[in-house]
N, C-alpha and C. Protein backbone atom coordinates (compact mmCIF):
# COMPACT_ATOMS: atom_id res chain seq x y z
N UNK A 1 10.77 140.36 106.65
CA UNK A 1 11.75 141.16 106.73
C UNK A 1 12.09 141.56 108.11
N UNK A 2 13.33 141.45 108.78
CA UNK A 2 13.70 141.81 110.02
C UNK A 2 13.93 143.25 110.23
N UNK A 3 13.44 143.66 111.48
CA UNK A 3 13.88 144.98 111.74
C UNK A 3 15.41 145.11 112.30
N UNK A 4 15.97 146.23 111.84
CA UNK A 4 17.28 146.37 112.35
C UNK A 4 17.42 147.09 113.66
N UNK A 5 17.99 146.49 114.74
CA UNK A 5 18.28 147.12 115.81
C UNK A 5 19.53 148.09 115.86
N UNK A 6 19.44 149.39 116.01
CA UNK A 6 20.60 150.19 115.92
C UNK A 6 21.20 150.18 117.41
N UNK A 7 22.38 150.06 117.68
CA UNK A 7 22.92 150.09 118.92
C UNK A 7 22.73 151.50 119.65
N UNK A 8 22.71 152.53 118.87
CA UNK A 8 22.77 153.83 119.48
C UNK A 8 21.17 154.11 119.92
N UNK A 9 20.27 153.28 119.35
CA UNK A 9 19.01 153.55 120.19
C UNK A 9 18.67 152.57 121.16
N UNK A 10 19.43 151.75 121.36
CA UNK A 10 19.29 150.79 122.32
C UNK A 10 19.14 151.43 123.89
N UNK A 11 18.38 151.07 124.85
CA UNK A 11 18.41 151.71 126.16
C UNK A 11 19.92 151.50 126.78
N UNK A 12 20.73 150.52 126.66
CA UNK A 12 21.86 150.40 127.26
C UNK A 12 22.74 151.57 126.63
N UNK A 13 22.68 151.90 125.27
CA UNK A 13 23.46 153.03 124.71
C UNK A 13 23.10 154.28 125.26
N UNK A 14 21.83 154.57 125.59
CA UNK A 14 21.33 155.65 126.12
C UNK A 14 22.07 155.90 127.39
N UNK A 15 22.03 154.83 128.27
CA UNK A 15 22.55 154.97 129.65
C UNK A 15 23.88 155.17 129.61
N UNK A 16 24.68 154.62 128.63
CA UNK A 16 26.22 154.83 128.63
C UNK A 16 26.34 156.34 128.18
N UNK A 17 25.65 156.82 127.30
CA UNK A 17 25.67 158.30 126.94
C UNK A 17 25.39 159.20 128.12
N UNK A 18 24.32 158.89 128.81
CA UNK A 18 23.93 159.78 129.99
C UNK A 18 25.08 159.61 131.16
N UNK A 19 25.72 158.39 131.36
CA UNK A 19 26.61 158.42 132.31
C UNK A 19 28.03 159.32 131.81
N UNK A 20 28.18 159.35 130.57
CA UNK A 20 29.30 160.22 129.93
C UNK A 20 29.04 161.68 130.23
N UNK A 21 27.67 161.90 129.86
CA UNK A 21 27.37 163.32 130.07
C UNK A 21 27.59 163.71 131.61
N UNK A 22 27.00 162.84 132.58
CA UNK A 22 27.13 163.14 133.88
C UNK A 22 28.58 163.25 134.34
N UNK A 23 29.46 162.54 133.84
CA UNK A 23 30.84 162.70 134.18
C UNK A 23 31.40 163.80 133.68
N UNK A 24 30.98 164.31 132.40
CA UNK A 24 31.42 165.60 131.80
C UNK A 24 30.95 166.72 132.70
N UNK A 25 29.88 166.78 133.34
CA UNK A 25 29.26 167.82 134.02
C UNK A 25 30.18 167.94 135.22
N UNK A 26 30.43 166.81 135.84
CA UNK A 26 31.19 166.73 137.11
C UNK A 26 32.61 167.33 136.83
N UNK A 27 33.15 166.77 135.83
CA UNK A 27 34.63 167.21 135.50
C UNK A 27 34.48 168.89 135.34
N UNK A 28 33.54 169.33 134.46
CA UNK A 28 33.51 170.75 134.26
C UNK A 28 33.25 171.48 135.48
N UNK A 29 32.36 171.11 136.46
CA UNK A 29 32.26 171.80 137.51
C UNK A 29 33.43 171.93 138.55
N UNK A 30 34.11 170.68 138.67
CA UNK A 30 35.28 170.74 139.42
C UNK A 30 36.37 171.71 138.91
N UNK A 31 36.43 171.59 137.59
CA UNK A 31 37.42 172.57 136.93
C UNK A 31 36.95 174.01 137.17
N UNK A 32 35.76 174.33 137.12
CA UNK A 32 35.34 175.80 137.37
C UNK A 32 35.62 176.15 138.63
N UNK A 33 35.39 175.30 139.67
CA UNK A 33 35.94 175.56 141.06
C UNK A 33 37.34 176.04 141.32
N UNK A 34 38.27 175.17 140.70
CA UNK A 34 39.70 175.47 140.61
C UNK A 34 39.96 176.87 139.93
N UNK A 35 39.42 176.92 138.85
CA UNK A 35 39.50 178.25 137.95
C UNK A 35 39.13 179.50 138.79
N UNK A 36 37.92 179.40 139.37
CA UNK A 36 37.51 180.58 140.13
C UNK A 36 38.40 180.95 141.12
N UNK A 37 39.04 180.02 141.79
CA UNK A 37 40.15 180.28 142.88
C UNK A 37 41.28 180.86 142.16
N UNK A 38 41.76 180.41 141.16
CA UNK A 38 42.94 180.78 140.57
C UNK A 38 42.67 182.29 139.79
N UNK A 39 41.47 182.48 139.36
CA UNK A 39 41.11 183.85 138.82
C UNK A 39 41.19 184.86 139.84
N UNK A 40 40.83 184.40 140.89
CA UNK A 40 40.70 185.31 142.10
C UNK A 40 42.13 185.56 142.79
N UNK A 41 43.17 184.82 142.22
CA UNK A 41 44.49 185.13 142.73
C UNK A 41 44.68 184.18 143.79
N UNK A 42 44.07 183.11 144.31
CA UNK A 42 44.17 182.36 145.28
C UNK A 42 44.90 181.11 144.93
N UNK A 43 45.96 180.78 145.68
CA UNK A 43 46.83 179.62 145.32
C UNK A 43 46.03 178.45 145.69
N UNK A 44 46.26 177.44 144.89
CA UNK A 44 45.50 176.20 145.06
C UNK A 44 46.44 175.01 145.29
N UNK A 45 46.52 174.75 146.61
CA UNK A 45 47.58 173.55 146.80
C UNK A 45 47.02 172.31 146.09
N UNK A 46 48.14 171.37 146.13
CA UNK A 46 47.68 170.11 145.44
C UNK A 46 46.64 169.37 146.43
N UNK A 47 46.77 169.40 147.44
CA UNK A 47 45.71 168.65 148.37
C UNK A 47 44.31 169.17 148.01
N UNK A 48 44.12 170.34 147.86
CA UNK A 48 42.82 170.92 147.51
C UNK A 48 42.49 170.46 146.01
N UNK A 49 43.30 170.50 145.14
CA UNK A 49 43.13 170.46 143.65
C UNK A 49 42.78 168.63 143.59
N UNK A 50 43.38 167.91 144.34
CA UNK A 50 43.05 166.43 144.43
C UNK A 50 41.60 166.33 145.02
N UNK A 51 41.44 166.98 146.00
CA UNK A 51 40.03 166.49 146.66
C UNK A 51 38.81 167.15 145.82
N UNK A 52 39.07 168.33 145.10
CA UNK A 52 38.09 168.78 144.34
C UNK A 52 38.01 167.82 142.96
N UNK A 53 39.04 167.47 142.48
CA UNK A 53 38.93 166.58 141.19
C UNK A 53 38.47 165.28 141.51
N UNK A 54 38.56 164.97 142.85
CA UNK A 54 38.07 163.42 143.17
C UNK A 54 36.34 163.14 143.63
N UNK A 55 36.04 164.65 143.64
CA UNK A 55 34.54 164.69 143.96
C UNK A 55 33.73 164.23 142.99
N UNK A 56 32.64 163.40 143.21
CA UNK A 56 31.82 163.06 141.88
C UNK A 56 30.37 163.72 142.25
N UNK A 57 30.24 164.45 143.21
CA UNK A 57 28.90 164.81 143.66
C UNK A 57 28.53 166.28 143.17
N UNK A 58 27.86 166.32 142.21
CA UNK A 58 27.46 167.76 141.69
C UNK A 58 27.29 168.88 142.74
N UNK A 59 26.22 168.34 143.67
CA UNK A 59 25.77 169.21 144.70
C UNK A 59 26.89 169.76 145.50
N UNK A 60 27.77 168.78 145.93
CA UNK A 60 28.95 169.36 146.77
C UNK A 60 29.83 170.25 145.92
N UNK A 61 30.01 169.97 144.77
CA UNK A 61 30.74 170.82 143.89
C UNK A 61 30.07 172.31 143.76
N UNK A 62 28.92 172.25 143.71
CA UNK A 62 28.15 173.65 143.65
C UNK A 62 28.41 174.26 144.91
N UNK A 63 28.32 173.58 145.99
CA UNK A 63 28.53 174.42 147.28
C UNK A 63 30.00 174.93 147.43
N UNK A 64 31.05 174.23 146.67
CA UNK A 64 32.23 174.61 146.92
C UNK A 64 32.36 175.77 145.80
N UNK A 65 31.78 175.94 144.63
CA UNK A 65 31.76 176.75 143.83
C UNK A 65 31.41 178.06 144.42
N UNK A 66 30.39 178.09 145.14
CA UNK A 66 29.73 179.16 145.99
C UNK A 66 30.68 179.71 146.82
N UNK A 67 31.27 178.83 147.62
CA UNK A 67 32.31 179.21 148.67
C UNK A 67 33.72 179.78 147.95
N UNK A 68 34.00 179.40 146.72
CA UNK A 68 35.13 179.82 145.91
C UNK A 68 34.94 181.31 145.64
N UNK A 69 33.77 181.78 145.35
CA UNK A 69 33.56 183.18 145.05
C UNK A 69 33.78 184.09 146.22
N UNK A 70 33.89 183.57 147.54
CA UNK A 70 33.97 184.36 148.77
C UNK A 70 35.33 184.25 149.41
N UNK A 71 35.96 182.92 149.21
CA UNK A 71 36.98 182.26 149.94
C UNK A 71 38.26 183.42 149.84
N UNK A 72 38.79 183.51 151.02
CA UNK A 72 40.28 184.19 151.00
C UNK A 72 41.40 183.16 150.85
N UNK A 73 41.01 181.86 151.13
CA UNK A 73 42.13 180.90 151.06
C UNK A 73 41.25 179.68 150.46
N UNK A 74 42.16 178.77 149.81
CA UNK A 74 41.52 177.44 149.06
C UNK A 74 40.95 176.58 150.06
N UNK A 75 41.71 176.57 151.24
CA UNK A 75 41.07 175.55 152.39
C UNK A 75 39.64 176.08 152.87
N UNK A 76 39.18 177.25 152.67
CA UNK A 76 37.93 177.66 152.95
C UNK A 76 36.77 176.93 152.21
N UNK A 77 37.20 176.16 150.91
CA UNK A 77 36.09 175.59 150.37
C UNK A 77 35.55 174.51 151.24
N UNK A 78 36.20 173.78 152.10
CA UNK A 78 35.81 172.65 152.89
C UNK A 78 35.62 173.01 154.43
N UNK A 79 35.37 174.41 154.60
CA UNK A 79 35.12 174.88 156.03
C UNK A 79 33.82 174.10 156.57
N UNK A 80 33.90 173.63 157.63
CA UNK A 80 32.76 173.04 158.43
C UNK A 80 32.48 171.69 157.80
N UNK A 81 33.42 170.91 157.12
CA UNK A 81 33.21 169.59 156.68
C UNK A 81 34.09 168.68 157.59
């Protein structure tokens, strides 16, 4: 009798799932940065929105989230960069 290999147990399937989870974390963090600015009444220009949404580095998004808590202007997210 042959053992049945289920795709979802295959290492490649796990890799694909993990990449999807990572993309989801990145998207959620970028969304949170933008929401934090909006909740604080700070206007978010399209250029800022595009840069935040284009970022795929969770560490960078975390830095921007911390800055979003204190920023007076959306451009302050990128101060010193």
